[in-house]
Amino acid sequence: MPAPTITHLICTVALISLIIFMQFFYAQIVNNVKAEVIRRELKDIANHVSNTFSNLYYLLNSSGSSTILRKNLEIPDKVQGIFYYIQINYTDGYADAIKAYLIDDPSVYAVSWLVPGLKVNTEEELVVLSSESDIVACCSFSGGEFLVWFETD
C-alpha cells in the first residue's frame, strides 16, 4: 500500500510545482510579446517621422529657395498606453536616424534611417515627448546646408 501513496504524493507535488512555475514562464512570454508589439508600433512611428523629414528635404532641395518648411507630425500620444520620446540621432553634426523609445523602458526602441546629407540644428529641439501638443518637423536650407529639427507648440 505505501508505494501507490508515495507515487501519488510525488506526482501531486510535481503537478503543483509545475503549475506555479508555468505562471512565471507565461508572464515572461507575455512581456516579450508585448515588447515586440511596442517595437513594431515605434518602428512605424520612426518611419513616419523619417519619411516626413525626407519629403521636406526633397521639396526644399527641388525648390532651391532658402526657406523653412514645417509639417505637423500626426503621431499617437501613447503606444500601448505608454508615452515615448522621438529623437534625432546625429554624428559630427550630420543627422543619422530617428529613434523612438519608451519613457519607462529605453531598451524598447526602434530606429529609422534618414536621407544622407542632413545636418541637425543643435540650437533647436532634437528630442520631443509624444505627449506634447503639436510636434512639428522642420527642415531649412541655409549656408549650403540642410538642417532638421523639431518644434513644439
N, C-alpha and C. Protein backbone atom coordinates (compact mmCIF):
# COMPACT_ATOMS: atom_id res chain seq x y z
N MET A 1 0.78 -1.21 0.00
CA MET A 1 0.00 0.00 0.00
C MET A 1 0.83 1.28 0.00
N PRO A 2 2.02 1.32 0.60
CA PRO A 2 2.75 2.58 0.66
C PRO A 2 3.25 3.04 -0.71
N ALA A 3 3.54 2.15 -1.63
CA ALA A 3 4.07 2.55 -2.93
C ALA A 3 3.11 3.44 -3.71
N PRO A 4 1.82 3.09 -3.85
CA PRO A 4 0.92 4.00 -4.58
C PRO A 4 0.75 5.34 -3.87
N THR A 5 0.79 5.36 -2.56
CA THR A 5 0.62 6.61 -1.83
C THR A 5 1.81 7.54 -2.07
N ILE A 6 3.01 7.01 -2.04
CA ILE A 6 4.20 7.82 -2.27
C ILE A 6 4.22 8.32 -3.72
N THR A 7 3.88 7.45 -4.65
CA THR A 7 3.82 7.86 -6.05
C THR A 7 2.79 8.96 -6.25
N HIS A 8 1.65 8.79 -5.62
CA HIS A 8 0.59 9.80 -5.72
C HIS A 8 1.07 11.13 -5.11
N LEU A 9 1.74 11.06 -3.99
CA LEU A 9 2.25 12.26 -3.33
C LEU A 9 3.30 12.95 -4.19
N ILE A 10 4.21 12.20 -4.78
CA ILE A 10 5.25 12.77 -5.65
C ILE A 10 4.62 13.43 -6.87
N CYS A 11 3.68 12.79 -7.51
CA CYS A 11 3.01 13.36 -8.69
C CYS A 11 2.22 14.61 -8.33
N THR A 12 1.58 14.61 -7.18
CA THR A 12 0.81 15.79 -6.76
C THR A 12 1.73 16.98 -6.53
N VAL A 13 2.84 16.77 -5.86
CA VAL A 13 3.82 17.85 -5.61
C VAL A 13 4.39 18.34 -6.94
N ALA A 14 4.71 17.42 -7.84
CA ALA A 14 5.25 17.80 -9.14
C ALA A 14 4.23 18.61 -9.94
N LEU A 15 2.99 18.21 -9.90
CA LEU A 15 1.94 18.93 -10.63
C LEU A 15 1.74 20.33 -10.07
N ILE A 16 1.71 20.45 -8.76
CA ILE A 16 1.53 21.77 -8.14
C ILE A 16 2.72 22.68 -8.46
N SER A 17 3.96 22.13 -8.36
CA SER A 17 5.11 22.97 -8.69
C SER A 17 5.14 23.34 -10.16
N LEU A 18 4.71 22.45 -11.02
CA LEU A 18 4.65 22.77 -12.45
C LEU A 18 3.67 23.91 -12.71
N ILE A 19 2.52 23.88 -12.07
CA ILE A 19 1.53 24.95 -12.22
C ILE A 19 2.10 26.29 -11.73
N ILE A 20 2.81 26.28 -10.62
CA ILE A 20 3.38 27.52 -10.07
C ILE A 20 4.47 28.05 -10.99
N PHE A 21 5.38 27.20 -11.45
CA PHE A 21 6.48 27.65 -12.30
C PHE A 21 6.01 28.10 -13.68
N MET A 22 4.99 27.49 -14.20
CA MET A 22 4.49 27.85 -15.52
C MET A 22 3.97 29.29 -15.54
N GLN A 23 3.46 29.78 -14.45
CA GLN A 23 2.98 31.17 -14.39
C GLN A 23 4.11 32.15 -14.66
N PHE A 24 5.28 31.88 -14.11
CA PHE A 24 6.42 32.78 -14.33
C PHE A 24 6.87 32.76 -15.77
N PHE A 25 6.94 31.57 -16.38
CA PHE A 25 7.34 31.48 -17.77
C PHE A 25 6.30 32.13 -18.68
N TYR A 26 5.03 31.93 -18.36
CA TYR A 26 3.97 32.53 -19.15
C TYR A 26 4.04 34.06 -19.07
N ALA A 27 4.28 34.60 -17.89
CA ALA A 27 4.40 36.05 -17.72
C ALA A 27 5.57 36.59 -18.54
N GLN A 28 6.67 35.87 -18.58
CA GLN A 28 7.83 36.29 -19.37
C GLN A 28 7.50 36.30 -20.86
N ILE A 29 6.81 35.29 -21.32
CA ILE A 29 6.43 35.22 -22.74
C ILE A 29 5.47 36.36 -23.09
N VAL A 30 4.52 36.63 -22.22
CA VAL A 30 3.59 37.73 -22.45
C VAL A 30 4.33 39.06 -22.52
N ASN A 31 5.29 39.28 -21.63
CA ASN A 31 6.08 40.52 -21.64
C ASN A 31 6.90 40.65 -22.93
N ASN A 32 7.47 39.54 -23.38
CA ASN A 32 8.23 39.58 -24.63
C ASN A 32 7.34 39.90 -25.83
N VAL A 33 6.17 39.33 -25.87
CA VAL A 33 5.24 39.61 -26.98
C VAL A 33 4.80 41.08 -26.94
N LYS A 34 4.51 41.58 -25.74
CA LYS A 34 4.10 42.99 -25.61
C LYS A 34 5.23 43.92 -26.06
N ALA A 35 6.47 43.62 -25.67
CA ALA A 35 7.61 44.44 -26.08
C ALA A 35 7.78 44.41 -27.60
N GLU A 36 7.56 43.27 -28.22
CA GLU A 36 7.68 43.17 -29.68
C GLU A 36 6.59 43.99 -30.38
N VAL A 37 5.38 43.95 -29.85
CA VAL A 37 4.29 44.75 -30.43
C VAL A 37 4.61 46.24 -30.31
N ILE A 38 5.13 46.65 -29.16
CA ILE A 38 5.50 48.05 -28.95
C ILE A 38 6.63 48.44 -29.91
N ARG A 39 7.62 47.57 -30.09
CA ARG A 39 8.71 47.86 -31.03
C ARG A 39 8.19 48.08 -32.45
N ARG A 40 7.24 47.27 -32.84
CA ARG A 40 6.67 47.42 -34.20
C ARG A 40 5.93 48.74 -34.34
N GLU A 41 5.18 49.13 -33.32
CA GLU A 41 4.49 50.41 -33.37
C GLU A 41 5.48 51.57 -33.37
N LEU A 42 6.53 51.47 -32.56
CA LEU A 42 7.56 52.51 -32.55
C LEU A 42 8.28 52.58 -33.89
N LYS A 43 8.47 51.43 -34.54
CA LYS A 43 9.12 51.41 -35.85
C LYS A 43 8.26 52.14 -36.88
N ASP A 44 6.95 51.93 -36.83
CA ASP A 44 6.05 52.65 -37.74
C ASP A 44 6.13 54.16 -37.50
N ILE A 45 6.17 54.56 -36.25
CA ILE A 45 6.26 55.99 -35.92
C ILE A 45 7.60 56.56 -36.39
N ALA A 46 8.70 55.86 -36.12
CA ALA A 46 10.02 56.32 -36.55
C ALA A 46 10.09 56.41 -38.08
N ASN A 47 9.53 55.45 -38.78
CA ASN A 47 9.49 55.50 -40.25
C ASN A 47 8.69 56.70 -40.74
N HIS A 48 7.56 56.98 -40.09
CA HIS A 48 6.73 58.12 -40.48
C HIS A 48 7.50 59.43 -40.31
N VAL A 49 8.17 59.59 -39.18
CA VAL A 49 8.94 60.81 -38.93
C VAL A 49 10.10 60.92 -39.91
N SER A 50 10.80 59.83 -40.15
CA SER A 50 11.91 59.82 -41.10
C SER A 50 11.44 60.17 -42.51
N ASN A 51 10.33 59.59 -42.94
CA ASN A 51 9.78 59.91 -44.26
C ASN A 51 9.35 61.36 -44.36
N THR A 52 8.83 61.91 -43.27
CA THR A 52 8.43 63.32 -43.27
C THR A 52 9.65 64.21 -43.48
N PHE A 53 10.74 63.94 -42.75
CA PHE A 53 11.97 64.72 -42.95
C PHE A 53 12.51 64.55 -44.36
N SER A 54 12.44 63.35 -44.90
CA SER A 54 12.90 63.11 -46.27
C SER A 54 12.08 63.90 -47.27
N ASN A 55 10.76 63.89 -47.11
CA ASN A 55 9.89 64.66 -48.02
C ASN A 55 10.17 66.16 -47.93
N LEU A 56 10.37 66.65 -46.71
CA LEU A 56 10.69 68.08 -46.56
C LEU A 56 12.02 68.40 -47.23
N TYR A 57 12.99 67.54 -47.08
CA TYR A 57 14.29 67.73 -47.72
C TYR A 57 14.15 67.75 -49.24
N TYR A 58 13.43 66.79 -49.80
CA TYR A 58 13.28 66.73 -51.26
C TYR A 58 12.54 67.96 -51.79
N LEU A 59 11.50 68.38 -51.08
CA LEU A 59 10.78 69.59 -51.51
C LEU A 59 11.68 70.82 -51.47
N LEU A 60 12.43 70.96 -50.40
CA LEU A 60 13.31 72.11 -50.25
C LEU A 60 14.45 72.07 -51.26
N ASN A 61 14.97 70.90 -51.51
CA ASN A 61 16.06 70.74 -52.47
C ASN A 61 15.59 71.04 -53.89
N SER A 62 14.38 70.64 -54.22
CA SER A 62 13.89 70.88 -55.58
C SER A 62 13.46 72.33 -55.79
N SER A 63 13.08 73.01 -54.72
CA SER A 63 12.65 74.42 -54.88
C SER A 63 13.85 75.35 -55.00
N GLY A 64 14.97 75.01 -54.38
CA GLY A 64 16.17 75.83 -54.48
C GLY A 64 16.10 77.13 -53.69
N SER A 65 15.13 77.26 -52.80
CA SER A 65 14.99 78.51 -52.04
C SER A 65 15.51 78.33 -50.63
N SER A 66 15.90 79.44 -50.03
CA SER A 66 16.36 79.43 -48.63
C SER A 66 15.18 79.75 -47.73
N THR A 67 14.46 78.73 -47.37
CA THR A 67 13.26 78.91 -46.54
C THR A 67 13.20 77.78 -45.52
N ILE A 68 12.22 77.86 -44.66
CA ILE A 68 11.99 76.81 -43.68
C ILE A 68 10.67 76.12 -44.00
N LEU A 69 10.72 74.81 -44.13
CA LEU A 69 9.50 74.03 -44.33
C LEU A 69 9.14 73.34 -43.03
N ARG A 70 7.86 73.38 -42.68
CA ARG A 70 7.38 72.75 -41.45
C ARG A 70 6.20 71.84 -41.78
N LYS A 71 6.12 70.75 -41.04
CA LYS A 71 4.98 69.84 -41.20
C LYS A 71 4.62 69.27 -39.83
N ASN A 72 3.34 69.37 -39.50
CA ASN A 72 2.86 68.77 -38.25
C ASN A 72 2.94 67.26 -38.35
N LEU A 73 3.48 66.64 -37.31
CA LEU A 73 3.55 65.19 -37.27
C LEU A 73 2.28 64.66 -36.63
N GLU A 74 1.61 63.81 -37.34
CA GLU A 74 0.40 63.19 -36.81
C GLU A 74 0.76 61.81 -36.28
N ILE A 75 1.13 61.80 -35.01
CA ILE A 75 1.56 60.57 -34.36
C ILE A 75 0.74 60.38 -33.09
N PRO A 76 0.58 59.15 -32.66
CA PRO A 76 -0.21 58.90 -31.44
C PRO A 76 0.52 59.42 -30.19
N ASP A 77 -0.27 59.80 -29.19
CA ASP A 77 0.30 60.27 -27.92
C ASP A 77 0.97 59.14 -27.16
N LYS A 78 0.39 57.95 -27.23
CA LYS A 78 0.90 56.82 -26.46
C LYS A 78 0.99 55.58 -27.35
N VAL A 79 1.88 54.69 -26.96
CA VAL A 79 1.99 53.37 -27.58
C VAL A 79 1.69 52.36 -26.49
N GLN A 80 0.61 51.61 -26.66
CA GLN A 80 0.18 50.64 -25.65
C GLN A 80 0.05 51.29 -24.28
N GLY A 81 -0.43 52.55 -24.26
CA GLY A 81 -0.66 53.25 -23.01
C GLY A 81 0.58 53.87 -22.38
N ILE A 82 1.70 53.93 -23.11
CA ILE A 82 2.96 54.45 -22.58
C ILE A 82 3.45 55.60 -23.46
N PHE A 83 3.87 56.71 -22.82
CA PHE A 83 4.46 57.82 -23.55
C PHE A 83 5.85 57.42 -24.06
N TYR A 84 6.30 58.11 -25.11
CA TYR A 84 7.59 57.80 -25.71
C TYR A 84 8.27 59.08 -26.19
N TYR A 85 9.58 58.98 -26.43
CA TYR A 85 10.37 60.08 -26.98
C TYR A 85 10.65 59.81 -28.45
N ILE A 86 10.81 60.89 -29.21
CA ILE A 86 11.31 60.81 -30.58
C ILE A 86 12.57 61.67 -30.62
N GLN A 87 13.64 61.09 -31.13
CA GLN A 87 14.94 61.75 -31.07
C GLN A 87 15.59 61.71 -32.45
N ILE A 88 16.28 62.80 -32.78
CA ILE A 88 17.11 62.81 -33.99
C ILE A 88 18.52 62.45 -33.55
N ASN A 89 19.01 61.29 -33.97
CA ASN A 89 20.38 60.88 -33.67
C ASN A 89 21.32 61.52 -34.69
N TYR A 90 22.48 61.95 -34.23
CA TYR A 90 23.42 62.57 -35.16
C TYR A 90 24.85 62.25 -34.77
N THR A 91 25.74 62.33 -35.77
CA THR A 91 27.17 62.12 -35.58
C THR A 91 27.90 63.22 -36.32
N ASP A 92 28.77 63.93 -35.62
CA ASP A 92 29.54 65.03 -36.20
C ASP A 92 28.65 66.07 -36.88
N GLY A 93 27.47 66.31 -36.32
CA GLY A 93 26.56 67.31 -36.85
C GLY A 93 25.63 66.81 -37.94
N TYR A 94 25.86 65.61 -38.46
CA TYR A 94 25.02 65.05 -39.52
C TYR A 94 23.95 64.15 -38.91
N ALA A 95 22.71 64.37 -39.31
CA ALA A 95 21.60 63.56 -38.82
C ALA A 95 21.69 62.16 -39.42
N ASP A 96 21.66 61.15 -38.55
CA ASP A 96 21.78 59.76 -39.00
C ASP A 96 20.43 59.06 -39.06
N ALA A 97 19.68 59.20 -37.96
CA ALA A 97 18.47 58.38 -37.83
C ALA A 97 17.48 59.03 -36.89
N ILE A 98 16.26 58.51 -36.95
CA ILE A 98 15.22 58.86 -36.00
C ILE A 98 15.06 57.67 -35.06
N LYS A 99 15.08 57.96 -33.77
CA LYS A 99 14.93 56.91 -32.76
C LYS A 99 13.70 57.21 -31.93
N ALA A 100 12.82 56.23 -31.79
CA ALA A 100 11.64 56.33 -30.94
C ALA A 100 11.80 55.31 -29.82
N TYR A 101 11.67 55.77 -28.57
CA TYR A 101 11.85 54.87 -27.44
C TYR A 101 10.92 55.23 -26.30
N LEU A 102 10.63 54.25 -25.47
CA LEU A 102 9.70 54.43 -24.36
C LEU A 102 10.34 55.21 -23.23
N ILE A 103 9.51 55.98 -22.52
CA ILE A 103 9.99 56.70 -21.34
C ILE A 103 10.32 55.70 -20.24
N ASP A 104 9.43 54.75 -20.02
CA ASP A 104 9.59 53.79 -18.92
C ASP A 104 10.73 52.80 -19.14
N ASP A 105 10.96 52.43 -20.40
CA ASP A 105 11.95 51.40 -20.70
C ASP A 105 12.70 51.76 -21.99
N PRO A 106 13.79 52.53 -21.88
CA PRO A 106 14.52 52.94 -23.08
C PRO A 106 15.11 51.79 -23.89
N SER A 107 15.14 50.58 -23.32
CA SER A 107 15.66 49.44 -24.09
C SER A 107 14.67 48.98 -25.15
N VAL A 108 13.43 49.44 -25.06
CA VAL A 108 12.43 49.14 -26.09
C VAL A 108 12.40 50.35 -27.03
N TYR A 109 12.98 50.18 -28.21
CA TYR A 109 13.11 51.31 -29.14
C TYR A 109 13.06 50.81 -30.58
N ALA A 110 12.97 51.79 -31.49
CA ALA A 110 13.04 51.49 -32.92
C ALA A 110 13.78 52.63 -33.60
N VAL A 111 14.50 52.30 -34.65
CA VAL A 111 15.32 53.27 -35.37
C VAL A 111 14.95 53.24 -36.84
N SER A 112 14.88 54.43 -37.44
CA SER A 112 14.66 54.54 -38.88
C SER A 112 15.69 55.51 -39.44
N TRP A 113 16.39 55.11 -40.48
CA TRP A 113 17.48 55.91 -41.02
C TRP A 113 16.97 57.10 -41.81
N LEU A 114 17.74 58.16 -41.83
CA LEU A 114 17.41 59.38 -42.56
C LEU A 114 18.18 59.44 -43.87
N VAL A 115 17.74 60.35 -44.74
CA VAL A 115 18.43 60.59 -46.00
C VAL A 115 19.82 61.16 -45.70
N PRO A 116 20.86 60.71 -46.39
CA PRO A 116 22.20 61.26 -46.14
C PRO A 116 22.28 62.74 -46.50
N GLY A 117 23.12 63.46 -45.78
CA GLY A 117 23.37 64.86 -46.09
C GLY A 117 22.63 65.86 -45.21
N LEU A 118 21.72 65.40 -44.39
CA LEU A 118 21.00 66.30 -43.49
C LEU A 118 21.86 66.60 -42.27
N LYS A 119 21.83 67.84 -41.84
CA LYS A 119 22.53 68.23 -40.62
C LYS A 119 21.50 68.60 -39.57
N VAL A 120 21.91 68.58 -38.31
CA VAL A 120 20.99 68.95 -37.24
C VAL A 120 21.23 70.40 -36.84
N ASN A 121 20.15 71.04 -36.47
CA ASN A 121 20.24 72.39 -35.91
C ASN A 121 20.30 72.22 -34.40
N THR A 122 21.50 72.26 -33.85
CA THR A 122 21.68 71.96 -32.43
C THR A 122 21.12 73.03 -31.52
N GLU A 123 20.73 74.17 -32.07
CA GLU A 123 20.14 75.23 -31.26
C GLU A 123 18.64 74.98 -31.03
N GLU A 124 18.08 74.04 -31.74
CA GLU A 124 16.66 73.72 -31.63
C GLU A 124 16.48 72.36 -30.96
N GLU A 125 15.22 71.94 -30.83
CA GLU A 125 14.91 70.67 -30.17
C GLU A 125 15.26 69.48 -31.06
N LEU A 126 15.94 68.52 -30.46
CA LEU A 126 16.27 67.28 -31.16
C LEU A 126 15.59 66.07 -30.54
N VAL A 127 14.98 66.27 -29.36
CA VAL A 127 14.23 65.21 -28.68
C VAL A 127 12.90 65.79 -28.25
N VAL A 128 11.81 65.10 -28.58
CA VAL A 128 10.48 65.57 -28.18
C VAL A 128 9.72 64.43 -27.52
N LEU A 129 8.83 64.81 -26.63
CA LEU A 129 7.97 63.86 -25.93
C LEU A 129 6.67 63.73 -26.70
N SER A 130 6.17 62.53 -26.82
CA SER A 130 4.98 62.28 -27.63
C SER A 130 3.73 62.99 -27.10
N SER A 131 3.71 63.31 -25.82
CA SER A 131 2.51 63.92 -25.24
C SER A 131 2.44 65.43 -25.48
N GLU A 132 3.48 66.02 -26.06
CA GLU A 132 3.45 67.45 -26.32
C GLU A 132 2.38 67.74 -27.36
N SER A 133 1.77 68.92 -27.25
CA SER A 133 0.57 69.23 -28.03
C SER A 133 0.75 69.06 -29.53
N ASP A 134 1.58 69.86 -30.14
CA ASP A 134 1.81 69.76 -31.58
C ASP A 134 3.30 69.61 -31.82
N ILE A 135 3.67 68.51 -32.44
CA ILE A 135 5.08 68.28 -32.79
C ILE A 135 5.23 68.58 -34.27
N VAL A 136 6.19 69.44 -34.59
CA VAL A 136 6.39 69.88 -35.96
C VAL A 136 7.79 69.47 -36.42
N ALA A 137 7.87 68.83 -37.57
CA ALA A 137 9.15 68.51 -38.19
C ALA A 137 9.56 69.70 -39.06
N CYS A 138 10.78 70.16 -38.91
CA CYS A 138 11.25 71.34 -39.64
C CYS A 138 12.51 71.03 -40.42
N CYS A 139 12.61 71.64 -41.59
CA CYS A 139 13.78 71.49 -42.45
C CYS A 139 14.07 72.84 -43.09
N SER A 140 15.32 73.26 -43.09
CA SER A 140 15.67 74.54 -43.71
C SER A 140 16.95 74.39 -44.51
N PHE A 141 17.15 75.33 -45.43
CA PHE A 141 18.36 75.39 -46.23
C PHE A 141 19.01 76.73 -45.96
N SER A 142 20.19 76.69 -45.36
CA SER A 142 20.92 77.94 -45.13
C SER A 142 22.41 77.65 -45.14
N GLY A 143 23.16 78.52 -45.77
CA GLY A 143 24.61 78.36 -45.83
C GLY A 143 25.04 77.10 -46.54
N GLY A 144 24.25 76.64 -47.49
CA GLY A 144 24.59 75.44 -48.25
C GLY A 144 24.34 74.14 -47.50
N GLU A 145 23.64 74.21 -46.36
CA GLU A 145 23.36 73.01 -45.58
C GLU A 145 21.87 72.86 -45.33
N PHE A 146 21.42 71.63 -45.34
CA PHE A 146 20.04 71.32 -45.00
C PHE A 146 19.99 70.93 -43.52
N LEU A 147 19.24 71.68 -42.74
CA LEU A 147 19.15 71.47 -41.29
C LEU A 147 17.79 70.90 -40.93
N VAL A 148 17.76 70.00 -39.95
CA VAL A 148 16.49 69.43 -39.47
C VAL A 148 16.42 69.58 -37.96
N TRP A 149 15.18 69.71 -37.46
CA TRP A 149 14.93 69.80 -36.02
C TRP A 149 13.44 69.66 -35.77
N PHE A 150 13.07 69.64 -34.50
CA PHE A 150 11.67 69.59 -34.09
C PHE A 150 11.28 70.93 -33.47
N GLU A 151 9.99 71.22 -33.57
CA GLU A 151 9.42 72.36 -32.83
C GLU A 151 8.16 71.84 -32.16
N THR A 152 7.84 72.41 -31.01
CA THR A 152 6.60 72.07 -30.32
C THR A 152 5.84 73.35 -30.01
N ASP A 153 4.53 73.24 -30.05
CA ASP A 153 3.69 74.39 -29.73
C ASP A 153 3.16 74.29 -28.32
